[in-house]
Amino acid sequence: MTGSGEAGLCIGLLEEAIMVNIPAIVVDPKGNISNLQLTFPEFRGEDFRRWINEDDARKKEATPDGFADKTAKVWEWMPINSATRAMKQRQLVRIAKNMLGNYERDL
């Protein structure tokens, strides 16, 4: 089946799972979900530049660098990226608490 929204549904479910820290194993034979692997922690245009199709930029009457900057700004506010940042922050807090707990125990 194709064109019925399977990838969109999957992305929505993954976003919700990430927001509540539920792990997921994703089987993606068509490669529709693989872009979720792309991480751009700083959301800088130059990080996006290598992924920009110059023809797409031209169609939008933009330079490739300008189109990369605009794409970075759009991606920064996507729910999956916000959820990923929140998840990473929670993991860092857990690691810090574990390290502090071990340090206090060793004193």
C-alpha atoms as a PDB file:
ATOM      1  CA  MET A   1       0.000   0.000   0.000  1.00  0.00           C
ATOM      2  CA  THR A   2       1.257   3.503  -0.700  1.00  0.00           C
ATOM      3  CA  GLY A   3      -0.092   7.030  -0.432  1.00  0.00           C
ATOM      4  CA  SER A   4      -2.460   6.310   2.436  1.00  0.00           C
ATOM      5  CA  GLY A   5      -0.422   8.072   5.128  1.00  0.00           C
ATOM      6  CA  GLU A   6       1.465   5.195   6.734  1.00  0.00           C
ATOM      7  CA  ALA A   7       4.699   7.188   7.124  1.00  0.00           C
ATOM      8  CA  GLY A   8       2.874  10.211   8.543  1.00  0.00           C
ATOM      9  CA  LEU A   9       1.066   8.046  11.068  1.00  0.00           C
ATOM     10  CA  CYS A  10       4.317   6.346  12.027  1.00  0.00           C
ATOM     11  CA  ILE A  11       6.090   9.674  12.519  1.00  0.00           C
ATOM     12  CA  GLY A  12       3.219  10.914  14.684  1.00  0.00           C
ATOM     13  CA  LEU A  13       3.365   7.779  16.830  1.00  0.00           C
ATOM     14  CA  LEU A  14       7.151   8.049  17.144  1.00  0.00           C
ATOM     15  CA  GLU A  15       6.896  11.710  18.178  1.00  0.00           C
ATOM     16  CA  GLU A  16       4.405  10.822  20.892  1.00  0.00           C
ATOM     17  CA  ALA A  17       6.550   7.896  22.069  1.00  0.00           C
ATOM     18  CA  ILE A  18       9.667  10.079  22.266  1.00  0.00           C
ATOM     19  CA  MET A  19       7.830  12.727  24.292  1.00  0.00           C
ATOM     20  CA  VAL A  20       7.007  10.181  26.988  1.00  0.00           C
ATOM     21  CA  ASN A  21      10.361   8.396  26.758  1.00  0.00           C
ATOM     22  CA  ILE A  22       9.044   5.148  25.223  1.00  0.00           C
ATOM     23  CA  PRO A  23      11.721   3.282  23.236  1.00  0.00           C
ATOM     24  CA  ALA A  24      10.877   2.098  19.745  1.00  0.00           C
ATOM     25  CA  ILE A  25      12.249  -0.298  17.164  1.00  0.00           C
ATOM     26  CA  VAL A  26      11.386   0.914  13.674  1.00  0.00           C
ATOM     27  CA  VAL A  27      11.425  -1.343  10.618  1.00  0.00           C
ATOM     28  CA  ASP A  28      11.513   0.974   7.617  1.00  0.00           C
ATOM     29  CA  PRO A  29      11.900  -1.043   4.396  1.00  0.00           C
ATOM     30  CA  LYS A  30      11.035   1.930   2.158  1.00  0.00           C
ATOM     31  CA  GLY A  31      13.256   4.403   4.005  1.00  0.00           C
ATOM     32  CA  ASN A  32      10.402   6.823   4.759  1.00  0.00           C
ATOM     33  CA  ILE A  33      11.348   7.278   8.398  1.00  0.00           C
ATOM     34  CA  SER A  34      15.130   7.365   8.025  1.00  0.00           C
ATOM     35  CA  ASN A  35      15.313  11.188   7.944  1.00  0.00           C
ATOM     36  CA  LEU A  36      14.440  11.146  11.636  1.00  0.00           C
ATOM     37  CA  GLN A  37      18.028   9.988  12.163  1.00  0.00           C
ATOM     38  CA  LEU A  38      19.326  13.320  10.932  1.00  0.00           C
ATOM     39  CA  THR A  39      20.262  15.389  13.946  1.00  0.00           C
ATOM     40  CA  PHE A  40      21.220  19.011  13.843  1.00  0.00           C
ATOM     41  CA  PRO A  41      21.852  20.021  17.478  1.00  0.00           C
ATOM     42  CA  GLU A  42      22.601  23.647  16.658  1.00  0.00           C
ATOM     43  CA  PHE A  43      20.111  24.022  13.778  1.00  0.00           C
ATOM     44  CA  ARG A  44      22.644  26.012  11.759  1.00  0.00           C
ATOM     45  CA  GLY A  45      22.110  26.548   8.051  1.00  0.00           C
ATOM     46  CA  GLU A  46      25.580  25.259   7.217  1.00  0.00           C
ATOM     47  CA  ASP A  47      24.707  21.924   8.857  1.00  0.00           C
ATOM     48  CA  PHE A  48      21.726  21.605   6.506  1.00  0.00           C
ATOM     49  CA  ARG A  49      23.558  22.841   3.404  1.00  0.00           C
ATOM     50  CA  ARG A  50      24.817  19.452   2.224  1.00  0.00           C
ATOM     51  CA  TRP A  51      21.247  18.106   2.239  1.00  0.00           C
ATOM     52  CA  ILE A  52      19.775  20.981   0.223  1.00  0.00           C
ATOM     53  CA  ASN A  53      18.774  20.292  -3.356  1.00  0.00           C
ATOM     54  CA  GLU A  54      19.941  23.301  -5.375  1.00  0.00           C
ATOM     55  CA  ASP A  55      17.037  22.906  -7.818  1.00  0.00           C
ATOM     56  CA  ASP A  56      14.583  23.160  -4.914  1.00  0.00           C
ATOM     57  CA  ALA A  57      16.327  26.332  -3.735  1.00  0.00           C
ATOM     58  CA  ARG A  58      16.158  27.802  -7.241  1.00  0.00           C
ATOM     59  CA  LYS A  59      12.435  27.013  -7.473  1.00  0.00           C
ATOM     60  CA  LYS A  60      11.924  28.986  -4.263  1.00  0.00           C
ATOM     61  CA  GLU A  61      14.047  31.812  -5.688  1.00  0.00           C
ATOM     62  CA  ALA A  62      16.645  31.397  -2.970  1.00  0.00           C
ATOM     63  CA  THR A  63      20.345  30.702  -2.837  1.00  0.00           C
ATOM     64  CA  PRO A  64      21.236  27.232  -1.574  1.00  0.00           C
ATOM     65  CA  ASP A  65      22.754  28.787   1.572  1.00  0.00           C
ATOM     66  CA  GLY A  66      19.647  30.904   2.180  1.00  0.00           C
ATOM     67  CA  PHE A  67      17.407  27.911   1.602  1.00  0.00           C
ATOM     68  CA  ALA A  68      19.513  25.909   4.095  1.00  0.00           C
ATOM     69  CA  ASP A  69      19.113  28.681   6.694  1.00  0.00           C
ATOM     70  CA  LYS A  70      15.347  28.751   6.173  1.00  0.00           C
ATOM     71  CA  THR A  71      15.132  24.954   6.376  1.00  0.00           C
ATOM     72  CA  ALA A  72      17.123  24.984   9.631  1.00  0.00           C
ATOM     73  CA  LYS A  73      14.664  27.461  11.165  1.00  0.00           C
ATOM     74  CA  VAL A  74      11.685  25.332  10.126  1.00  0.00           C
ATOM     75  CA  TRP A  75      13.256  22.141  11.479  1.00  0.00           C
ATOM     76  CA  GLU A  76      14.107  23.759  14.797  1.00  0.00           C
ATOM     77  CA  TRP A  77      10.416  24.124  15.636  1.00  0.00           C
ATOM     78  CA  MET A  78       9.267  20.690  14.461  1.00  0.00           C
ATOM     79  CA  PRO A  79       7.753  18.649  17.335  1.00  0.00           C
ATOM     80  CA  ILE A  80      10.139  15.731  16.836  1.00  0.00           C
ATOM     81  CA  ASN A  81      13.149  17.992  17.356  1.00  0.00           C
ATOM     82  CA  SER A  82      11.657  19.640  20.442  1.00  0.00           C
ATOM     83  CA  ALA A  83      10.870  16.208  21.879  1.00  0.00           C
ATOM     84  CA  THR A  84      14.351  14.927  21.073  1.00  0.00           C
ATOM     85  CA  ARG A  85      15.958  17.911  22.833  1.00  0.00           C
ATOM     86  CA  ALA A  86      13.754  17.327  25.896  1.00  0.00           C
ATOM     87  CA  MET A  87      14.627  13.625  25.918  1.00  0.00           C
ATOM     88  CA  LYS A  88      18.360  14.369  25.713  1.00  0.00           C
ATOM     89  CA  GLN A  89      18.050  16.881  28.567  1.00  0.00           C
ATOM     90  CA  ARG A  90      16.296  14.289  30.734  1.00  0.00           C
ATOM     91  CA  GLN A  91      19.051  11.779  29.960  1.00  0.00           C
ATOM     92  CA  LEU A  92      21.744  14.316  30.900  1.00  0.00           C
ATOM     93  CA  VAL A  93      19.970  15.070  34.184  1.00  0.00           C
ATOM     94  CA  ARG A  94      19.778  11.337  34.967  1.00  0.00           C
ATOM     95  CA  ILE A  95      23.480  10.893  34.177  1.00  0.00           C
ATOM     96  CA  ALA A  96      24.409  13.899  36.311  1.00  0.00           C
ATOM     97  CA  LYS A  97      22.313  12.636  39.237  1.00  0.00           C
ATOM     98  CA  ASN A  98      23.914   9.187  38.982  1.00  0.00           C
ATOM     99  CA  MET A  99      27.388  10.686  38.855  1.00  0.00           C
ATOM    100  CA  LEU A 100      26.648  12.964  41.822  1.00  0.00           C
ATOM    101  CA  GLY A 101      25.146  10.073  43.781  1.00  0.00           C
ATOM    102  CA  ASN A 102      28.237   7.955  43.150  1.00  0.00           C
ATOM    103  CA  TYR A 103      30.509  10.870  44.080  1.00  0.00           C
ATOM    104  CA  GLU A 104      28.660  11.531  47.359  1.00  0.00           C
ATOM    105  CA  ARG A 105      28.729   7.827  48.213  1.00  0.00           C
ATOM    106  CA  ASP A 106      32.513   7.740  47.660  1.00  0.00           C
ATOM    107  CA  LEU A 107      33.097  10.655  50.072  1.00  0.00           C
END
